[in-house]
Amino acid sequence: MVLDHTQTTVGYRCPACGTGVISIVGIFKLSGDLIRLKCPCGGSELQLCYTKDRKIRLTVPCLVCPRPHVAVLSQNTFFENKLFTLPCSLSGLDICFIGDKDQVCAA
């Protein structure tokens, strides 16, 4: 039996210091508890977890808004796009980038 190691890259910009925070997230790591992608400055973190209906819930810090944005994505959207962005609902500025590592870094 061969297991498909599905993974994607997730990135965001820290609203506290402006640093780009990027991490690879695999389906097996995500199937556990809450994942926190923390900025090295300690000023922000992006949270990922599965919902009861097996979708992926993201809580993303925003560069504009004082509170983080929450988005719920299907596994297909999360793991199968070359680049998927989540915008701030107030400013339209992309605050989260999901997909291929090179494309996430470029975005």
PDB file of N, CA and C in Angstrom:
ATOM      1  N   MET A   1       0.843  -1.174   0.000  1.00  0.00           N
ATOM      2  CA  MET A   1       0.000   0.000   0.000  1.00  0.00           C
ATOM      3  C   MET A   1       0.889   1.238   0.000  1.00  0.00           C
ATOM      4  N   VAL A   2       0.605   2.169  -0.891  1.00  0.00           N
ATOM      5  CA  VAL A   2       1.366   3.401  -0.994  1.00  0.00           C
ATOM      6  C   VAL A   2       0.507   4.553  -0.482  1.00  0.00           C
ATOM      7  N   LEU A   3       1.058   5.327   0.424  1.00  0.00           N
ATOM      8  CA  LEU A   3       0.345   6.485   0.954  1.00  0.00           C
ATOM      9  C   LEU A   3       0.785   7.732   0.210  1.00  0.00           C
ATOM     10  N   ASP A   4      -0.192   8.533  -0.195  1.00  0.00           N
ATOM     11  CA  ASP A   4       0.100   9.799  -0.863  1.00  0.00           C
ATOM     12  C   ASP A   4       0.371  10.841   0.212  1.00  0.00           C
ATOM     13  N   HIS A   5       1.569  11.396   0.210  1.00  0.00           N
ATOM     14  CA  HIS A   5       1.925  12.413   1.202  1.00  0.00           C
ATOM     15  C   HIS A   5       1.526  13.788   0.670  1.00  0.00           C
ATOM     16  N   THR A   6       0.278  14.151   0.884  1.00  0.00           N
ATOM     17  CA  THR A   6      -0.252  15.420   0.415  1.00  0.00           C
ATOM     18  C   THR A   6       0.228  16.529   1.330  1.00  0.00           C
ATOM     19  N   GLN A   7       0.770  17.580   0.712  1.00  0.00           N
ATOM     20  CA  GLN A   7       1.222  18.736   1.489  1.00  0.00           C
ATOM     21  C   GLN A   7       1.108  19.988   0.643  1.00  0.00           C
ATOM     22  N   THR A   8       1.126  21.122   1.304  1.00  0.00           N
ATOM     23  CA  THR A   8       1.073  22.413   0.647  1.00  0.00           C
ATOM     24  C   THR A   8       1.879  23.404   1.477  1.00  0.00           C
ATOM     25  N   THR A   9       2.112  24.568   0.920  1.00  0.00           N
ATOM     26  CA  THR A   9       2.835  25.621   1.633  1.00  0.00           C
ATOM     27  C   THR A   9       1.850  26.711   2.015  1.00  0.00           C
ATOM     28  N   VAL A  10       1.958  27.195   3.251  1.00  0.00           N
ATOM     29  CA  VAL A  10       1.100  28.262   3.744  1.00  0.00           C
ATOM     30  C   VAL A  10       1.987  29.419   4.166  1.00  0.00           C
ATOM     31  N   GLY A  11       1.594  30.630   3.789  1.00  0.00           N
ATOM     32  CA  GLY A  11       2.368  31.802   4.169  1.00  0.00           C
ATOM     33  C   GLY A  11       1.477  32.986   4.501  1.00  0.00           C
ATOM     34  N   TYR A  12       1.975  33.844   5.368  1.00  0.00           N
ATOM     35  CA  TYR A  12       1.299  35.097   5.698  1.00  0.00           C
ATOM     36  C   TYR A  12       2.350  36.119   6.106  1.00  0.00           C
ATOM     37  N   ARG A  13       1.962  37.386   6.137  1.00  0.00           N
ATOM     38  CA  ARG A  13       2.876  38.439   6.568  1.00  0.00           C
ATOM     39  C   ARG A  13       2.477  38.869   7.974  1.00  0.00           C
ATOM     40  N   CYS A  14       3.452  38.898   8.871  1.00  0.00           N
ATOM     41  CA  CYS A  14       3.203  39.261  10.265  1.00  0.00           C
ATOM     42  C   CYS A  14       2.816  40.737  10.362  1.00  0.00           C
ATOM     43  N   PRO A  15       1.674  41.045  10.959  1.00  0.00           N
ATOM     44  CA  PRO A  15       1.285  42.443  11.111  1.00  0.00           C
ATOM     45  C   PRO A  15       2.135  43.197  12.138  1.00  0.00           C
ATOM     46  N   ALA A  16       2.816  42.480  13.018  1.00  0.00           N
ATOM     47  CA  ALA A  16       3.632  43.137  14.046  1.00  0.00           C
ATOM     48  C   ALA A  16       4.980  43.603  13.507  1.00  0.00           C
ATOM     49  N   CYS A  17       5.642  42.744  12.692  1.00  0.00           N
ATOM     50  CA  CYS A  17       6.999  43.089  12.246  1.00  0.00           C
ATOM     51  C   CYS A  17       7.166  43.115  10.730  1.00  0.00           C
ATOM     52  N   GLY A  18       6.182  42.601   9.985  1.00  0.00           N
ATOM     53  CA  GLY A  18       6.256  42.603   8.530  1.00  0.00           C
ATOM     54  C   GLY A  18       6.969  41.417   7.919  1.00  0.00           C
ATOM     55  N   THR A  19       7.460  40.500   8.723  1.00  0.00           N
ATOM     56  CA  THR A  19       8.169  39.325   8.227  1.00  0.00           C
ATOM     57  C   THR A  19       7.197  38.365   7.535  1.00  0.00           C
ATOM     58  N   GLY A  20       7.644  37.755   6.439  1.00  0.00           N
ATOM     59  CA  GLY A  20       6.865  36.706   5.798  1.00  0.00           C
ATOM     60  C   GLY A  20       7.076  35.402   6.540  1.00  0.00           C
ATOM     61  N   VAL A  21       6.002  34.764   6.950  1.00  0.00           N
ATOM     62  CA  VAL A  21       6.059  33.500   7.685  1.00  0.00           C
ATOM     63  C   VAL A  21       5.553  32.410   6.746  1.00  0.00           C
ATOM     64  N   ILE A  22       6.390  31.415   6.474  1.00  0.00           N
ATOM     65  CA  ILE A  22       6.049  30.359   5.519  1.00  0.00           C
ATOM     66  C   ILE A  22       6.336  29.001   6.148  1.00  0.00           C
ATOM     67  N   SER A  23       5.416  28.055   5.914  1.00  0.00           N
ATOM     68  CA  SER A  23       5.604  26.707   6.444  1.00  0.00           C
ATOM     69  C   SER A  23       4.933  25.694   5.523  1.00  0.00           C
ATOM     70  N   ILE A  24       5.491  24.499   5.482  1.00  0.00           N
ATOM     71  CA  ILE A  24       4.869  23.405   4.758  1.00  0.00           C
ATOM     72  C   ILE A  24       3.919  22.690   5.716  1.00  0.00           C
ATOM     73  N   VAL A  25       2.695  22.427   5.237  1.00  0.00           N
ATOM     74  CA  VAL A  25       1.693  21.748   6.043  1.00  0.00           C
ATOM     75  C   VAL A  25       1.274  20.482   5.312  1.00  0.00           C
ATOM     76  N   GLY A  26       1.449  19.344   5.981  1.00  0.00           N
ATOM     77  CA  GLY A  26       1.065  18.062   5.408  1.00  0.00           C
ATOM     78  C   GLY A  26      -0.272  17.599   5.946  1.00  0.00           C
ATOM     79  N   ILE A  27      -0.933  16.759   5.182  1.00  0.00           N
ATOM     80  CA  ILE A  27      -2.252  16.273   5.582  1.00  0.00           C
ATOM     81  C   ILE A  27      -2.189  15.467   6.880  1.00  0.00           C
ATOM     82  N   PHE A  28      -1.089  14.744   7.107  1.00  0.00           N
ATOM     83  CA  PHE A  28      -0.978  13.961   8.340  1.00  0.00           C
ATOM     84  C   PHE A  28      -0.760  14.857   9.553  1.00  0.00           C
ATOM     85  N   LYS A  29       0.044  15.896   9.403  1.00  0.00           N
ATOM     86  CA  LYS A  29       0.255  16.840  10.499  1.00  0.00           C
ATOM     87  C   LYS A  29      -1.040  17.572  10.824  1.00  0.00           C
ATOM     88  N   LEU A  30      -1.789  17.931   9.783  1.00  0.00           N
ATOM     89  CA  LEU A  30      -3.038  18.659   9.972  1.00  0.00           C
ATOM     90  C   LEU A  30      -4.117  17.801  10.599  1.00  0.00           C
ATOM     91  N   SER A  31      -4.052  16.491  10.394  1.00  0.00           N
ATOM     92  CA  SER A  31      -5.084  15.612  10.942  1.00  0.00           C
ATOM     93  C   SER A  31      -4.985  15.484  12.461  1.00  0.00           C
ATOM     94  N   GLY A  32      -3.918  16.008  13.034  1.00  0.00           N
ATOM     95  CA  GLY A  32      -3.775  16.002  14.495  1.00  0.00           C
ATOM     96  C   GLY A  32      -4.495  17.193  15.100  1.00  0.00           C
ATOM     97  N   ASP A  33      -3.898  17.796  16.073  1.00  0.00           N
ATOM     98  CA  ASP A  33      -4.501  18.940  16.747  1.00  0.00           C
ATOM     99  C   ASP A  33      -4.322  20.225  15.953  1.00  0.00           C
ATOM    100  N   LEU A  34      -4.603  21.309  16.589  1.00  0.00           N
ATOM    101  CA  LEU A  34      -4.451  22.649  16.040  1.00  0.00           C
ATOM    102  C   LEU A  34      -2.990  22.911  15.671  1.00  0.00           C
ATOM    103  N   ILE A  35      -2.773  23.461  14.494  1.00  0.00           N
ATOM    104  CA  ILE A  35      -1.429  23.845  14.061  1.00  0.00           C
ATOM    105  C   ILE A  35      -1.313  25.354  14.178  1.00  0.00           C
ATOM    106  N   ARG A  36      -0.216  25.812  14.752  1.00  0.00           N
ATOM    107  CA  ARG A  36       0.044  27.250  14.889  1.00  0.00           C
ATOM    108  C   ARG A  36       1.330  27.579  14.159  1.00  0.00           C
ATOM    109  N   LEU A  37       1.230  28.477  13.174  1.00  0.00           N
ATOM    110  CA  LEU A  37       2.404  28.972  12.461  1.00  0.00           C
ATOM    111  C   LEU A  37       2.738  30.327  13.061  1.00  0.00           C
ATOM    112  N   LYS A  38       3.771  30.356  13.897  1.00  0.00           N
ATOM    113  CA  LYS A  38       4.097  31.569  14.642  1.00  0.00           C
ATOM    114  C   LYS A  38       5.223  32.335  13.971  1.00  0.00           C
ATOM    115  N   CYS A  39       5.108  33.652  14.020  1.00  0.00           N
ATOM    116  CA  CYS A  39       6.193  34.507  13.552  1.00  0.00           C
ATOM    117  C   CYS A  39       7.316  34.443  14.585  1.00  0.00           C
ATOM    118  N   PRO A  40       8.574  34.464  14.142  1.00  0.00           N
ATOM    119  CA  PRO A  40       9.696  34.449  15.092  1.00  0.00           C
ATOM    120  C   PRO A  40       9.681  35.617  16.080  1.00  0.00           C
ATOM    121  N   CYS A  41       9.039  36.746  15.709  1.00  0.00           N
ATOM    122  CA  CYS A  41       8.992  37.893  16.626  1.00  0.00           C
ATOM    123  C   CYS A  41       8.011  37.670  17.775  1.00  0.00           C
ATOM    124  N   GLY A  42       7.122  36.674  17.633  1.00  0.00           N
ATOM    125  CA  GLY A  42       6.126  36.396  18.668  1.00  0.00           C
ATOM    126  C   GLY A  42       4.897  37.281  18.590  1.00  0.00           C
ATOM    127  N   GLY A  43       4.813  38.128  17.573  1.00  0.00           N
ATOM    128  CA  GLY A  43       3.712  39.086  17.471  1.00  0.00           C
ATOM    129  C   GLY A  43       2.462  38.571  16.793  1.00  0.00           C
ATOM    130  N   SER A  44       2.527  37.400  16.136  1.00  0.00           N
ATOM    131  CA  SER A  44       1.341  36.880  15.455  1.00  0.00           C
ATOM    132  C   SER A  44       1.480  35.381  15.231  1.00  0.00           C
ATOM    133  N   GLU A  45       0.341  34.766  14.916  1.00  0.00           N
ATOM    134  CA  GLU A  45       0.335  33.357  14.543  1.00  0.00           C
ATOM    135  C   GLU A  45      -0.882  33.086  13.674  1.00  0.00           C
ATOM    136  N   LEU A  46      -0.703  32.183  12.719  1.00  0.00           N
ATOM    137  CA  LEU A  46      -1.796  31.683  11.893  1.00  0.00           C
ATOM    138  C   LEU A  46      -2.167  30.323  12.454  1.00  0.00           C
ATOM    139  N   GLN A  47      -3.464  30.057  12.594  1.00  0.00           N
ATOM    140  CA  GLN A  47      -3.914  28.782  13.151  1.00  0.00           C
ATOM    141  C   GLN A  47      -4.663  27.984  12.089  1.00  0.00           C
ATOM    142  N   LEU A  48      -4.425  26.674  12.069  1.00  0.00           N
ATOM    143  CA  LEU A  48      -5.096  25.757  11.145  1.00  0.00           C
ATOM    144  C   LEU A  48      -5.646  24.581  11.937  1.00  0.00           C
ATOM    145  N   CYS A  49      -6.847  24.147  11.582  1.00  0.00           N
ATOM    146  CA  CYS A  49      -7.399  22.942  12.188  1.00  0.00           C
ATOM    147  C   CYS A  49      -8.483  22.374  11.287  1.00  0.00           C
ATOM    148  N   TYR A  50      -8.774  21.087  11.474  1.00  0.00           N
ATOM    149  CA  TYR A  50      -9.884  20.461  10.769  1.00  0.00           C
ATOM    150  C   TYR A  50     -11.181  20.786  11.487  1.00  0.00           C
ATOM    151  N   THR A  51     -12.252  20.970  10.714  1.00  0.00           N
ATOM    152  CA  THR A  51     -13.584  21.112  11.289  1.00  0.00           C
ATOM    153  C   THR A  51     -14.200  19.718  11.398  1.00  0.00           C
ATOM    154  N   LYS A  52     -15.351  19.621  12.022  1.00  0.00           N
ATOM    155  CA  LYS A  52     -16.010  18.316  12.178  1.00  0.00           C
ATOM    156  C   LYS A  52     -16.380  17.701  10.835  1.00  0.00           C
ATOM    157  N   ASP A  53     -16.634  18.542   9.829  1.00  0.00           N
ATOM    158  CA  ASP A  53     -16.982  18.017   8.508  1.00  0.00           C
ATOM    159  C   ASP A  53     -15.763  17.902   7.589  1.00  0.00           C
ATOM    160  N   ARG A  54     -14.557  17.841   8.169  1.00  0.00           N
ATOM    161  CA  ARG A  54     -13.280  17.582   7.475  1.00  0.00           C
ATOM    162  C   ARG A  54     -12.876  18.692   6.512  1.00  0.00           C
ATOM    163  N   LYS A  55     -13.283  19.913   6.818  1.00  0.00           N
ATOM    164  CA  LYS A  55     -12.785  21.072   6.086  1.00  0.00           C
ATOM    165  C   LYS A  55     -11.671  21.686   6.922  1.00  0.00           C
ATOM    166  N   ILE A  56     -10.968  22.637   6.347  1.00  0.00           N
ATOM    167  CA  ILE A  56      -9.832  23.230   7.038  1.00  0.00           C
ATOM    168  C   ILE A  56     -10.173  24.661   7.419  1.00  0.00           C
ATOM    169  N   ARG A  57     -10.066  24.942   8.717  1.00  0.00           N
ATOM    170  CA  ARG A  57     -10.379  26.266   9.248  1.00  0.00           C
ATOM    171  C   ARG A  57      -9.075  27.002   9.503  1.00  0.00           C
ATOM    172  N   LEU A  58      -8.960  28.201   8.923  1.00  0.00           N
ATOM    173  CA  LEU A  58      -7.777  29.032   9.111  1.00  0.00           C
ATOM    174  C   LEU A  58      -8.166  30.288   9.866  1.00  0.00           C
ATOM    175  N   THR A  59      -7.346  30.671  10.810  1.00  0.00           N
ATOM    176  CA  THR A  59      -7.480  31.953  11.495  1.00  0.00           C
ATOM    177  C   THR A  59      -6.209  32.716  11.161  1.00  0.00           C
ATOM    178  N   VAL A  60      -6.368  33.782  10.345  1.00  0.00           N
ATOM    179  CA  VAL A  60      -5.229  34.464   9.742  1.00  0.00           C
ATOM    180  C   VAL A  60      -5.094  35.882  10.289  1.00  0.00           C
ATOM    181  N   PRO A  61      -3.922  36.252  10.818  1.00  0.00           N
ATOM    182  CA  PRO A  61      -3.713  37.631  11.257  1.00  0.00           C
ATOM    183  C   PRO A  61      -3.754  38.570  10.055  1.00  0.00           C
ATOM    184  N   CYS A  62      -4.241  39.783  10.276  1.00  0.00           N
ATOM    185  CA  CYS A  62      -4.423  40.741   9.188  1.00  0.00           C
ATOM    186  C   CYS A  62      -3.514  41.951   9.374  1.00  0.00           C
ATOM    187  N   LEU A  63      -2.995  42.456   8.265  1.00  0.00           N
ATOM    188  CA  LEU A  63      -2.152  43.651   8.296  1.00  0.00           C
ATOM    189  C   LEU A  63      -2.961  44.912   8.557  1.00  0.00           C
ATOM    190  N   VAL A  64      -4.273  44.876   8.271  1.00  0.00           N
ATOM    191  CA  VAL A  64      -5.124  46.061   8.366  1.00  0.00           C
ATOM    192  C   VAL A  64      -6.061  46.018   9.568  1.00  0.00           C
ATOM    193  N   CYS A  65      -6.744  44.908   9.734  1.00  0.00           N
ATOM    194  CA  CYS A  65      -7.775  44.779  10.769  1.00  0.00           C
ATOM    195  C   CYS A  65      -7.161  44.423  12.129  1.00  0.00           C
ATOM    196  N   PRO A  66      -7.794  44.862  13.204  1.00  0.00           N
ATOM    197  CA  PRO A  66      -7.269  44.526  14.533  1.00  0.00           C
ATOM    198  C   PRO A  66      -7.509  43.071  14.931  1.00  0.00           C
ATOM    199  N   ARG A  67      -8.451  42.408  14.293  1.00  0.00           N
ATOM    200  CA  ARG A  67      -8.748  41.008  14.598  1.00  0.00           C
ATOM    201  C   ARG A  67      -8.401  40.126  13.404  1.00  0.00           C
ATOM    202  N   PRO A  68      -8.060  38.866  13.649  1.00  0.00           N
ATOM    203  CA  PRO A  68      -7.742  37.959  12.543  1.00  0.00           C
ATOM    204  C   PRO A  68      -9.000  37.598  11.745  1.00  0.00           C
ATOM    205  N   HIS A  69      -8.789  37.150  10.519  1.00  0.00           N
ATOM    206  CA  HIS A  69      -9.876  36.688   9.659  1.00  0.00           C
ATOM    207  C   HIS A  69      -9.965  35.171   9.747  1.00  0.00           C
ATOM    208  N   VAL A  70     -11.187  34.657   9.649  1.00  0.00           N
ATOM    209  CA  VAL A  70     -11.417  33.218   9.695  1.00  0.00           C
ATOM    210  C   VAL A  70     -11.949  32.777   8.328  1.00  0.00           C
ATOM    211  N   ALA A  71     -11.381  31.707   7.801  1.00  0.00           N
ATOM    212  CA  ALA A  71     -11.833  31.140   6.534  1.00  0.00           C
ATOM    213  C   ALA A  71     -11.915  29.627   6.682  1.00  0.00           C
ATOM    214  N   VAL A  72     -12.863  29.033   5.981  1.00  0.00           N
ATOM    215  CA  VAL A  72     -13.016  27.581   5.973  1.00  0.00           C
ATOM    216  C   VAL A  72     -12.897  27.126   4.524  1.00  0.00           C
ATOM    217  N   LEU A  73     -11.947  26.222   4.269  1.00  0.00           N
ATOM    218  CA  LEU A  73     -11.667  25.742   2.916  1.00  0.00           C
ATOM    219  C   LEU A  73     -11.842  24.234   2.834  1.00  0.00           C
ATOM    220  N   SER A  74     -12.225  23.767   1.654  1.00  0.00           N
ATOM    221  CA  SER A  74     -12.264  22.324   1.425  1.00  0.00           C
ATOM    222  C   SER A  74     -10.837  21.800   1.330  1.00  0.00           C
ATOM    223  N   GLN A  75     -10.667  20.509   1.525  1.00  0.00           N
ATOM    224  CA  GLN A  75      -9.340  19.907   1.389  1.00  0.00           C
ATOM    225  C   GLN A  75      -8.811  20.087  -0.030  1.00  0.00           C
ATOM    226  N   ASN A  76      -9.693  19.990  -1.032  1.00  0.00           N
ATOM    227  CA  ASN A  76      -9.264  20.180  -2.421  1.00  0.00           C
ATOM    228  C   ASN A  76      -8.697  21.578  -2.626  1.00  0.00           C
ATOM    229  N   THR A  77      -9.387  22.593  -2.146  1.00  0.00           N
ATOM    230  CA  THR A  77      -8.909  23.963  -2.289  1.00  0.00           C
ATOM    231  C   THR A  77      -7.586  24.143  -1.560  1.00  0.00           C
ATOM    232  N   PHE A  78      -7.475  23.587  -0.390  1.00  0.00           N
ATOM    233  CA  PHE A  78      -6.281  23.766   0.430  1.00  0.00           C
ATOM    234  C   PHE A  78      -5.062  23.055  -0.141  1.00  0.00           C
ATOM    235  N   PHE A  79      -5.227  21.822  -0.623  1.00  0.00           N
ATOM    236  CA  PHE A  79      -4.079  21.023  -1.033  1.00  0.00           C
ATOM    237  C   PHE A  79      -3.816  20.972  -2.539  1.00  0.00           C
ATOM    238  N   GLU A  80      -4.766  21.354  -3.383  1.00  0.00           N
ATOM    239  CA  GLU A  80      -4.599  21.091  -4.808  1.00  0.00           C
ATOM    240  C   GLU A  80      -4.407  22.324  -5.690  1.00  0.00           C
ATOM    241  N   ASN A  81      -4.384  23.516  -5.162  1.00  0.00           N
ATOM    242  CA  ASN A  81      -4.176  24.714  -5.978  1.00  0.00           C
ATOM    243  C   ASN A  81      -2.700  25.075  -6.031  1.00  0.00           C
ATOM    244  N   LYS A  82      -2.269  25.573  -7.173  1.00  0.00           N
ATOM    245  CA  LYS A  82      -0.887  26.053  -7.286  1.00  0.00           C
ATOM    246  C   LYS A  82      -0.708  27.310  -6.450  1.00  0.00           C
ATOM    247  N   LEU A  83      -1.742  28.167  -6.407  1.00  0.00           N
ATOM    248  CA  LEU A  83      -1.727  29.347  -5.538  1.00  0.00           C
ATOM    249  C   LEU A  83      -3.156  29.753  -5.243  1.00  0.00           C
ATOM    250  N   PHE A  84      -3.487  29.830  -3.974  1.00  0.00           N
ATOM    251  CA  PHE A  84      -4.793  30.294  -3.510  1.00  0.00           C
ATOM    252  C   PHE A  84      -4.530  31.396  -2.500  1.00  0.00           C
ATOM    253  N   THR A  85      -5.207  32.525  -2.645  1.00  0.00           N
ATOM    254  CA  THR A  85      -5.003  33.637  -1.713  1.00  0.00           C
ATOM    255  C   THR A  85      -6.288  33.949  -0.961  1.00  0.00           C
ATOM    256  N   LEU A  86      -6.121  34.385   0.272  1.00  0.00           N
ATOM    257  CA  LEU A  86      -7.243  34.853   1.084  1.00  0.00           C
ATOM    258  C   LEU A  86      -7.089  36.355   1.278  1.00  0.00           C
ATOM    259  N   PRO A  87      -8.062  37.143   0.837  1.00  0.00           N
ATOM    260  CA  PRO A  87      -7.962  38.590   1.005  1.00  0.00           C
ATOM    261  C   PRO A  87      -8.621  39.069   2.297  1.00  0.00           C
ATOM    262  N   CYS A  88      -8.195  40.229   2.756  1.00  0.00           N
ATOM    263  CA  CYS A  88      -8.860  40.931   3.862  1.00  0.00           C
ATOM    264  C   CYS A  88     -10.194  41.440   3.323  1.00  0.00           C
ATOM    265  N   SER A  89     -11.267  41.200   4.043  1.00  0.00           N
ATOM    266  CA  SER A  89     -12.591  41.618   3.583  1.00  0.00           C
ATOM    267  C   SER A  89     -12.758  43.134   3.596  1.00  0.00           C
ATOM    268  N   LEU A  90     -11.951  43.846   4.357  1.00  0.00           N
ATOM    269  CA  LEU A  90     -12.038  45.310   4.425  1.00  0.00           C
ATOM    270  C   LEU A  90     -11.211  45.983   3.336  1.00  0.00           C
ATOM    271  N   SER A  91      -9.960  45.591   3.209  1.00  0.00           N
ATOM    272  CA  SER A  91      -9.048  46.277   2.290  1.00  0.00           C
ATOM    273  C   SER A  91      -8.881  45.583   0.935  1.00  0.00           C
ATOM    274  N   GLY A  92      -9.174  44.287   0.867  1.00  0.00           N
ATOM    275  CA  GLY A  92      -8.941  43.517  -0.346  1.00  0.00           C
ATOM    276  C   GLY A  92      -7.500  43.039  -0.479  1.00  0.00           C
ATOM    277  N   LEU A  93      -6.640  43.420   0.456  1.00  0.00           N
ATOM    278  CA  LEU A  93      -5.238  43.020   0.454  1.00  0.00           C
ATOM    279  C   LEU A  93      -5.130  41.527   0.764  1.00  0.00           C
ATOM    280  N   ASP A  94      -4.351  40.803  -0.035  1.00  0.00           N
ATOM    281  CA  ASP A  94      -4.149  39.370   0.231  1.00  0.00           C
ATOM    282  C   ASP A  94      -3.354  39.200   1.518  1.00  0.00           C
ATOM    283  N   ILE A  95      -3.901  38.381   2.441  1.00  0.00           N
ATOM    284  CA  ILE A  95      -3.261  38.210   3.748  1.00  0.00           C
ATOM    285  C   ILE A  95      -2.743  36.800   3.986  1.00  0.00           C
ATOM    286  N   CYS A  96      -3.141  35.851   3.136  1.00  0.00           N
ATOM    287  CA  CYS A  96      -2.699  34.472   3.292  1.00  0.00           C
ATOM    288  C   CYS A  96      -2.507  33.856   1.917  1.00  0.00           C
ATOM    289  N   PHE A  97      -1.460  33.049   1.789  1.00  0.00           N
ATOM    290  CA  PHE A  97      -1.109  32.439   0.514  1.00  0.00           C
ATOM    291  C   PHE A  97      -0.931  30.945   0.730  1.00  0.00           C
ATOM    292  N   ILE A  98      -1.578  30.136  -0.116  1.00  0.00           N
ATOM    293  CA  ILE A  98      -1.565  28.690   0.038  1.00  0.00           C
ATOM    294  C   ILE A  98      -1.274  28.060  -1.325  1.00  0.00           C
ATOM    295  N   GLY A  99      -0.349  27.103  -1.360  1.00  0.00           N
ATOM    296  CA  GLY A  99      -0.083  26.415  -2.610  1.00  0.00           C
ATOM    297  C   GLY A  99       1.361  25.987  -2.766  1.00  0.00           C
ATOM    298  N   ASP A 100       1.824  26.022  -4.013  1.00  0.00           N
ATOM    299  CA  ASP A 100       3.181  25.651  -4.372  1.00  0.00           C
ATOM    300  C   ASP A 100       4.178  26.606  -3.701  1.00  0.00           C
ATOM    301  N   LYS A 101       5.249  26.051  -3.146  1.00  0.00           N
ATOM    302  CA  LYS A 101       6.210  26.845  -2.373  1.00  0.00           C
ATOM    303  C   LYS A 101       6.755  28.035  -3.166  1.00  0.00           C
ATOM    304  N   ASP A 102       7.157  27.812  -4.401  1.00  0.00           N
ATOM    305  CA  ASP A 102       7.732  28.904  -5.201  1.00  0.00           C
ATOM    306  C   ASP A 102       6.706  30.016  -5.438  1.00  0.00           C
ATOM    307  N   GLN A 103       5.466  29.628  -5.700  1.00  0.00           N
ATOM    308  CA  GLN A 103       4.420  30.638  -5.955  1.00  0.00           C
ATOM    309  C   GLN A 103       4.024  31.378  -4.681  1.00  0.00           C
ATOM    310  N   VAL A 104       3.993  30.677  -3.556  1.00  0.00           N
ATOM    311  CA  VAL A 104       3.694  31.337  -2.276  1.00  0.00           C
ATOM    312  C   VAL A 104       4.809  32.336  -1.943  1.00  0.00           C
ATOM    313  N   CYS A 105       6.049  31.947  -2.124  1.00  0.00           N
ATOM    314  CA  CYS A 105       7.181  32.851  -1.857  1.00  0.00           C
ATOM    315  C   CYS A 105       7.147  34.064  -2.771  1.00  0.00           C
ATOM    316  N   ALA A 106       6.799  33.859  -4.037  1.00  0.00           N
ATOM    317  CA  ALA A 106       6.735  34.972  -4.998  1.00  0.00           C
ATOM    318  C   ALA A 106       5.596  35.924  -4.669  1.00  0.00           C
ATOM    319  N   ALA A 107       4.482  35.391  -4.180  1.00  0.00           N
ATOM    320  CA  ALA A 107       3.324  36.232  -3.865  1.00  0.00           C
ATOM    321  C   ALA A 107       3.607  37.050  -2.618  1.00  0.00           C
TER     322      ALA A 107
END
